[in-house]
Amino acid sequence: MYLYNPNDSVITLNSSLVNLILLCEAKDTNGNWVLIEEPRPSTFWYCPVGSLPIEPEKIDVKKGEYIKLIAPCYTGSFKTELRYKLTFGEGTETTVNSEEFEGFINEDLLEVLD
């Protein structure tokens, strides 16, 4: 999963495990988006040109830059639309949705998480 910044403004990410959450959602049989996994910290690597990957405290994603996030891949017999939702920020949270894509999941994942 990649977070790409096409905008003129800088996206600042605090890499605190509490403040960077990546979740997968799927459309149920009624066309509603359903969260199919428990919230957990996201893992990501930032690799400046000519260096090894690092885990900095803060990342500024400038126009035309991206970061790579690690996200689970799902399989199953139920064909549906999927998307990933990234929430970040301290105090004021920002949520960004990925483009929707077709995939397959286990239909039991559509049960609402408590």
N, C-alpha and C. Protein backbone atom coordinates (compact mmCIF):
# COMPACT_ATOMS: atom_id res chain seq x y z
N MET A 1 0.85 -1.16 0.00
CA MET A 1 0.00 0.00 0.00
C MET A 1 0.90 1.23 0.00
N TYR A 2 0.61 2.18 -0.86
CA TYR A 2 1.39 3.40 -0.94
C TYR A 2 0.53 4.61 -0.61
N LEU A 3 1.09 5.55 0.14
CA LEU A 3 0.45 6.83 0.37
C LEU A 3 1.21 7.84 -0.46
N TYR A 4 0.55 8.35 -1.50
CA TYR A 4 1.16 9.29 -2.44
C TYR A 4 0.56 10.67 -2.22
N ASN A 5 1.39 11.70 -2.26
CA ASN A 5 0.90 13.06 -2.08
C ASN A 5 0.94 13.81 -3.41
N PRO A 6 -0.22 13.99 -4.08
CA PRO A 6 -0.26 14.74 -5.33
C PRO A 6 -0.47 16.24 -5.12
N ASN A 7 -0.68 16.65 -3.87
CA ASN A 7 -1.03 18.04 -3.56
C ASN A 7 0.20 18.92 -3.36
N ASP A 8 -0.02 20.23 -3.41
CA ASP A 8 1.06 21.18 -3.16
C ASP A 8 1.42 21.25 -1.67
N SER A 9 0.48 20.91 -0.80
CA SER A 9 0.75 20.97 0.63
C SER A 9 1.51 19.72 1.09
N VAL A 10 2.22 19.86 2.19
CA VAL A 10 3.00 18.76 2.77
C VAL A 10 2.11 17.97 3.72
N ILE A 11 2.17 16.64 3.65
CA ILE A 11 1.47 15.78 4.60
C ILE A 11 2.49 15.39 5.66
N THR A 12 2.23 15.74 6.91
CA THR A 12 3.14 15.40 8.00
C THR A 12 2.56 14.23 8.77
N LEU A 13 3.34 13.16 8.87
CA LEU A 13 2.93 11.96 9.60
C LEU A 13 3.79 11.82 10.83
N ASN A 14 3.15 11.65 11.98
CA ASN A 14 3.85 11.31 13.21
C ASN A 14 3.86 9.79 13.26
N SER A 15 5.01 9.18 13.32
CA SER A 15 5.08 7.72 13.22
C SER A 15 4.79 7.02 14.53
N SER A 16 4.33 7.76 15.54
CA SER A 16 3.92 7.12 16.78
C SER A 16 2.91 6.04 16.46
N LEU A 17 3.10 4.85 17.03
CA LEU A 17 2.23 3.73 16.71
C LEU A 17 0.77 4.01 17.04
N VAL A 18 0.52 4.96 17.93
CA VAL A 18 -0.85 5.30 18.28
C VAL A 18 -1.49 6.18 17.21
N ASN A 19 -0.68 6.91 16.47
CA ASN A 19 -1.20 7.95 15.59
C ASN A 19 -1.23 7.60 14.11
N LEU A 20 -0.91 6.37 13.74
CA LEU A 20 -0.91 5.97 12.34
C LEU A 20 -1.60 4.62 12.23
N ILE A 21 -2.87 4.62 11.80
CA ILE A 21 -3.68 3.41 11.77
C ILE A 21 -4.15 3.15 10.34
N LEU A 22 -3.94 1.93 9.86
CA LEU A 22 -4.36 1.52 8.52
C LEU A 22 -5.36 0.38 8.67
N LEU A 23 -6.57 0.55 8.13
CA LEU A 23 -7.63 -0.44 8.26
C LEU A 23 -8.22 -0.78 6.90
N CYS A 24 -8.71 -2.01 6.78
CA CYS A 24 -9.35 -2.45 5.55
C CYS A 24 -10.87 -2.48 5.76
N GLU A 25 -11.59 -1.99 4.74
CA GLU A 25 -13.04 -2.04 4.74
C GLU A 25 -13.51 -2.78 3.49
N ALA A 26 -14.67 -3.42 3.60
CA ALA A 26 -15.27 -4.13 2.47
C ALA A 26 -16.74 -3.76 2.38
N LYS A 27 -17.27 -3.81 1.17
CA LYS A 27 -18.71 -3.57 0.99
C LYS A 27 -19.46 -4.86 1.29
N ASP A 28 -20.52 -4.72 2.10
CA ASP A 28 -21.36 -5.88 2.39
C ASP A 28 -22.37 -6.08 1.27
N THR A 29 -23.27 -7.02 1.44
CA THR A 29 -24.25 -7.34 0.40
C THR A 29 -25.22 -6.20 0.14
N ASN A 30 -25.33 -5.23 1.08
CA ASN A 30 -26.19 -4.06 0.89
C ASN A 30 -25.44 -2.85 0.35
N GLY A 31 -24.15 -3.02 0.06
CA GLY A 31 -23.35 -1.92 -0.47
C GLY A 31 -22.80 -0.97 0.58
N ASN A 32 -22.88 -1.36 1.85
CA ASN A 32 -22.35 -0.53 2.94
C ASN A 32 -20.90 -0.91 3.23
N TRP A 33 -20.08 0.09 3.56
CA TRP A 33 -18.70 -0.18 3.94
C TRP A 33 -18.65 -0.72 5.36
N VAL A 34 -17.94 -1.84 5.55
CA VAL A 34 -17.83 -2.50 6.84
C VAL A 34 -16.35 -2.68 7.16
N LEU A 35 -15.96 -2.33 8.37
CA LEU A 35 -14.60 -2.56 8.84
C LEU A 35 -14.40 -4.06 9.02
N ILE A 36 -13.36 -4.64 8.41
CA ILE A 36 -13.17 -6.09 8.49
C ILE A 36 -11.96 -6.49 9.33
N GLU A 37 -11.36 -5.54 10.03
CA GLU A 37 -10.24 -5.89 10.90
C GLU A 37 -10.19 -4.95 12.09
N GLU A 38 -9.56 -5.41 13.15
CA GLU A 38 -9.41 -4.61 14.37
C GLU A 38 -8.38 -3.51 14.14
N PRO A 39 -8.60 -2.33 14.71
CA PRO A 39 -7.57 -1.29 14.62
C PRO A 39 -6.26 -1.76 15.24
N ARG A 40 -5.16 -1.48 14.56
CA ARG A 40 -3.83 -1.83 15.04
C ARG A 40 -2.83 -0.85 14.45
N PRO A 41 -1.69 -0.72 15.07
CA PRO A 41 -0.67 0.18 14.50
C PRO A 41 -0.24 -0.28 13.12
N SER A 42 0.08 0.65 12.26
CA SER A 42 0.58 0.34 10.93
C SER A 42 2.09 0.31 10.96
N THR A 43 2.66 -0.49 10.07
CA THR A 43 4.11 -0.54 9.92
C THR A 43 4.46 0.12 8.61
N PHE A 44 5.44 0.98 8.63
CA PHE A 44 5.87 1.60 7.39
C PHE A 44 7.36 1.88 7.44
N TRP A 45 7.93 2.03 6.28
CA TRP A 45 9.35 2.35 6.15
C TRP A 45 9.47 3.58 5.27
N TYR A 46 10.38 4.42 5.64
CA TYR A 46 10.68 5.63 4.87
C TYR A 46 12.13 5.50 4.41
N CYS A 47 12.35 5.66 3.13
CA CYS A 47 13.69 5.45 2.59
C CYS A 47 14.13 6.66 1.79
N PRO A 48 14.85 7.60 2.42
CA PRO A 48 15.36 8.74 1.66
C PRO A 48 16.31 8.25 0.57
N VAL A 49 16.44 9.02 -0.48
CA VAL A 49 17.28 8.63 -1.61
C VAL A 49 18.69 8.32 -1.12
N GLY A 50 19.22 7.14 -1.53
CA GLY A 50 20.59 6.77 -1.23
C GLY A 50 20.85 6.32 0.19
N SER A 51 19.81 5.90 0.91
CA SER A 51 20.04 5.44 2.28
C SER A 51 19.21 4.20 2.58
N LEU A 52 19.43 3.63 3.74
CA LEU A 52 18.67 2.47 4.18
C LEU A 52 17.34 2.92 4.77
N PRO A 53 16.33 2.03 4.78
CA PRO A 53 15.05 2.39 5.39
C PRO A 53 15.23 2.75 6.86
N ILE A 54 14.48 3.73 7.32
CA ILE A 54 14.54 4.15 8.72
C ILE A 54 13.12 4.29 9.27
N GLU A 55 13.01 4.35 10.58
CA GLU A 55 11.72 4.62 11.23
C GLU A 55 11.84 5.94 11.98
N PRO A 56 11.61 7.06 11.32
CA PRO A 56 11.74 8.36 11.97
C PRO A 56 10.54 8.67 12.85
N GLU A 57 10.68 9.67 13.71
CA GLU A 57 9.57 10.11 14.55
C GLU A 57 8.53 10.86 13.75
N LYS A 58 8.95 11.55 12.70
CA LYS A 58 8.04 12.36 11.89
C LYS A 58 8.48 12.28 10.43
N ILE A 59 7.49 12.23 9.54
CA ILE A 59 7.79 12.21 8.11
C ILE A 59 6.99 13.31 7.43
N ASP A 60 7.64 14.11 6.63
CA ASP A 60 6.97 15.09 5.78
C ASP A 60 6.92 14.53 4.37
N VAL A 61 5.71 14.23 3.88
CA VAL A 61 5.53 13.71 2.53
C VAL A 61 5.20 14.91 1.64
N LYS A 62 6.18 15.31 0.83
CA LYS A 62 6.02 16.48 -0.03
C LYS A 62 5.33 16.09 -1.34
N LYS A 63 4.95 17.09 -2.12
CA LYS A 63 4.30 16.85 -3.40
C LYS A 63 5.14 15.90 -4.25
N GLY A 64 4.49 14.85 -4.78
CA GLY A 64 5.16 13.88 -5.63
C GLY A 64 5.89 12.78 -4.89
N GLU A 65 5.91 12.81 -3.56
CA GLU A 65 6.57 11.78 -2.77
C GLU A 65 5.53 10.78 -2.26
N TYR A 66 6.03 9.63 -1.79
CA TYR A 66 5.13 8.61 -1.24
C TYR A 66 5.84 7.84 -0.15
N ILE A 67 5.03 7.15 0.68
CA ILE A 67 5.57 6.19 1.63
C ILE A 67 4.89 4.86 1.37
N LYS A 68 5.57 3.79 1.71
CA LYS A 68 5.03 2.44 1.52
C LYS A 68 4.56 1.92 2.88
N LEU A 69 3.31 1.47 2.94
CA LEU A 69 2.72 0.92 4.15
C LEU A 69 2.52 -0.57 3.97
N ILE A 70 2.62 -1.32 5.05
CA ILE A 70 2.40 -2.76 5.00
C ILE A 70 0.97 -3.03 5.43
N ALA A 71 0.21 -3.72 4.57
CA ALA A 71 -1.20 -4.01 4.85
C ALA A 71 -1.49 -5.47 4.52
N PRO A 72 -2.43 -6.08 5.24
CA PRO A 72 -2.76 -7.47 4.95
C PRO A 72 -3.49 -7.61 3.62
N CYS A 73 -3.32 -8.76 3.00
CA CYS A 73 -4.07 -9.12 1.79
C CYS A 73 -5.08 -10.17 2.20
N TYR A 74 -6.28 -10.07 1.70
CA TYR A 74 -7.35 -10.99 2.07
C TYR A 74 -7.70 -11.92 0.92
N THR A 75 -8.15 -13.13 1.28
CA THR A 75 -8.63 -14.10 0.30
C THR A 75 -9.92 -14.71 0.83
N GLY A 76 -10.66 -15.32 -0.05
CA GLY A 76 -11.90 -15.98 0.32
C GLY A 76 -12.76 -16.17 -0.92
N SER A 77 -14.00 -16.55 -0.71
CA SER A 77 -14.89 -16.84 -1.84
C SER A 77 -15.90 -15.72 -2.12
N PHE A 78 -15.97 -14.71 -1.23
CA PHE A 78 -16.92 -13.62 -1.39
C PHE A 78 -16.27 -12.48 -2.17
N LYS A 79 -16.78 -12.20 -3.37
CA LYS A 79 -16.24 -11.14 -4.21
C LYS A 79 -16.90 -9.82 -3.82
N THR A 80 -16.08 -8.79 -3.58
CA THR A 80 -16.60 -7.50 -3.14
C THR A 80 -15.61 -6.39 -3.46
N GLU A 81 -16.02 -5.16 -3.17
CA GLU A 81 -15.13 -4.01 -3.29
C GLU A 81 -14.42 -3.82 -1.95
N LEU A 82 -13.15 -3.48 -2.01
CA LEU A 82 -12.35 -3.23 -0.81
C LEU A 82 -11.72 -1.85 -0.90
N ARG A 83 -11.32 -1.32 0.26
CA ARG A 83 -10.53 -0.09 0.31
C ARG A 83 -9.79 -0.08 1.64
N TYR A 84 -8.70 0.66 1.67
CA TYR A 84 -7.97 0.85 2.92
C TYR A 84 -8.19 2.28 3.39
N LYS A 85 -8.25 2.43 4.71
CA LYS A 85 -8.46 3.73 5.33
C LYS A 85 -7.26 4.01 6.24
N LEU A 86 -6.55 5.11 5.97
CA LEU A 86 -5.41 5.51 6.79
C LEU A 86 -5.82 6.72 7.62
N THR A 87 -5.67 6.60 8.94
CA THR A 87 -5.96 7.70 9.85
C THR A 87 -4.65 8.11 10.52
N PHE A 88 -4.39 9.41 10.50
CA PHE A 88 -3.16 9.90 11.12
C PHE A 88 -3.38 11.29 11.69
N GLY A 89 -2.47 11.71 12.53
CA GLY A 89 -2.54 13.04 13.11
C GLY A 89 -2.65 12.99 14.61
N GLU A 90 -2.19 14.04 15.23
CA GLU A 90 -2.24 14.15 16.67
C GLU A 90 -3.15 15.32 17.01
N GLY A 91 -4.16 15.07 17.83
CA GLY A 91 -5.13 16.12 18.14
C GLY A 91 -6.22 16.16 17.09
N THR A 92 -5.91 16.65 15.91
CA THR A 92 -6.86 16.66 14.79
C THR A 92 -6.49 15.53 13.85
N GLU A 93 -7.33 14.52 13.78
CA GLU A 93 -7.04 13.37 12.92
C GLU A 93 -7.45 13.64 11.49
N THR A 94 -6.70 13.08 10.57
CA THR A 94 -7.02 13.12 9.15
C THR A 94 -7.21 11.69 8.68
N THR A 95 -8.23 11.45 7.87
CA THR A 95 -8.47 10.12 7.31
C THR A 95 -8.42 10.20 5.80
N VAL A 96 -7.69 9.27 5.21
CA VAL A 96 -7.55 9.19 3.76
C VAL A 96 -7.95 7.79 3.33
N ASN A 97 -8.85 7.69 2.34
CA ASN A 97 -9.25 6.39 1.80
C ASN A 97 -8.49 6.09 0.52
N SER A 98 -8.14 4.81 0.35
CA SER A 98 -7.51 4.39 -0.90
C SER A 98 -8.58 4.35 -1.99
N GLU A 99 -8.14 4.15 -3.21
CA GLU A 99 -9.09 3.88 -4.28
C GLU A 99 -9.74 2.53 -4.00
N GLU A 100 -10.97 2.37 -4.42
CA GLU A 100 -11.66 1.09 -4.26
C GLU A 100 -11.10 0.10 -5.26
N PHE A 101 -11.06 -1.17 -4.85
CA PHE A 101 -10.58 -2.22 -5.75
C PHE A 101 -11.36 -3.50 -5.49
N GLU A 102 -11.42 -4.35 -6.49
CA GLU A 102 -12.15 -5.61 -6.38
C GLU A 102 -11.28 -6.66 -5.71
N GLY A 103 -11.88 -7.42 -4.80
CA GLY A 103 -11.13 -8.46 -4.12
C GLY A 103 -12.05 -9.54 -3.59
N PHE A 104 -11.46 -10.51 -2.94
CA PHE A 104 -12.19 -11.64 -2.36
C PHE A 104 -11.85 -11.74 -0.88
N ILE A 105 -12.88 -11.96 -0.06
CA ILE A 105 -12.67 -12.12 1.38
C ILE A 105 -13.53 -13.27 1.88
N ASN A 106 -13.31 -13.68 3.13
CA ASN A 106 -14.18 -14.62 3.81
C ASN A 106 -15.40 -13.81 4.26
N GLU A 107 -16.59 -14.22 3.88
CA GLU A 107 -17.81 -13.44 4.16
C GLU A 107 -18.04 -13.23 5.66
N ASP A 108 -17.50 -14.12 6.50
CA ASP A 108 -17.64 -13.95 7.95
C ASP A 108 -16.99 -12.66 8.44
N LEU A 109 -16.04 -12.12 7.70
CA LEU A 109 -15.40 -10.86 8.10
C LEU A 109 -16.36 -9.68 8.08
N LEU A 110 -17.49 -9.83 7.39
CA LEU A 110 -18.46 -8.73 7.29
C LEU A 110 -19.31 -8.57 8.54
N GLU A 111 -19.19 -9.49 9.50
CA GLU A 111 -19.91 -9.33 10.76
C GLU A 111 -19.33 -8.12 11.46
N VAL A 112 -20.19 -7.27 11.98
CA VAL A 112 -19.76 -6.02 12.62
C VAL A 112 -18.86 -6.33 13.81
N LEU A 113 -17.70 -5.65 13.86
CA LEU A 113 -16.78 -5.82 14.98
C LEU A 113 -17.34 -5.11 16.20
N ASP A 114 -17.24 -5.76 17.35
CA ASP A 114 -17.69 -5.13 18.62
C ASP A 114 -16.52 -4.48 19.30
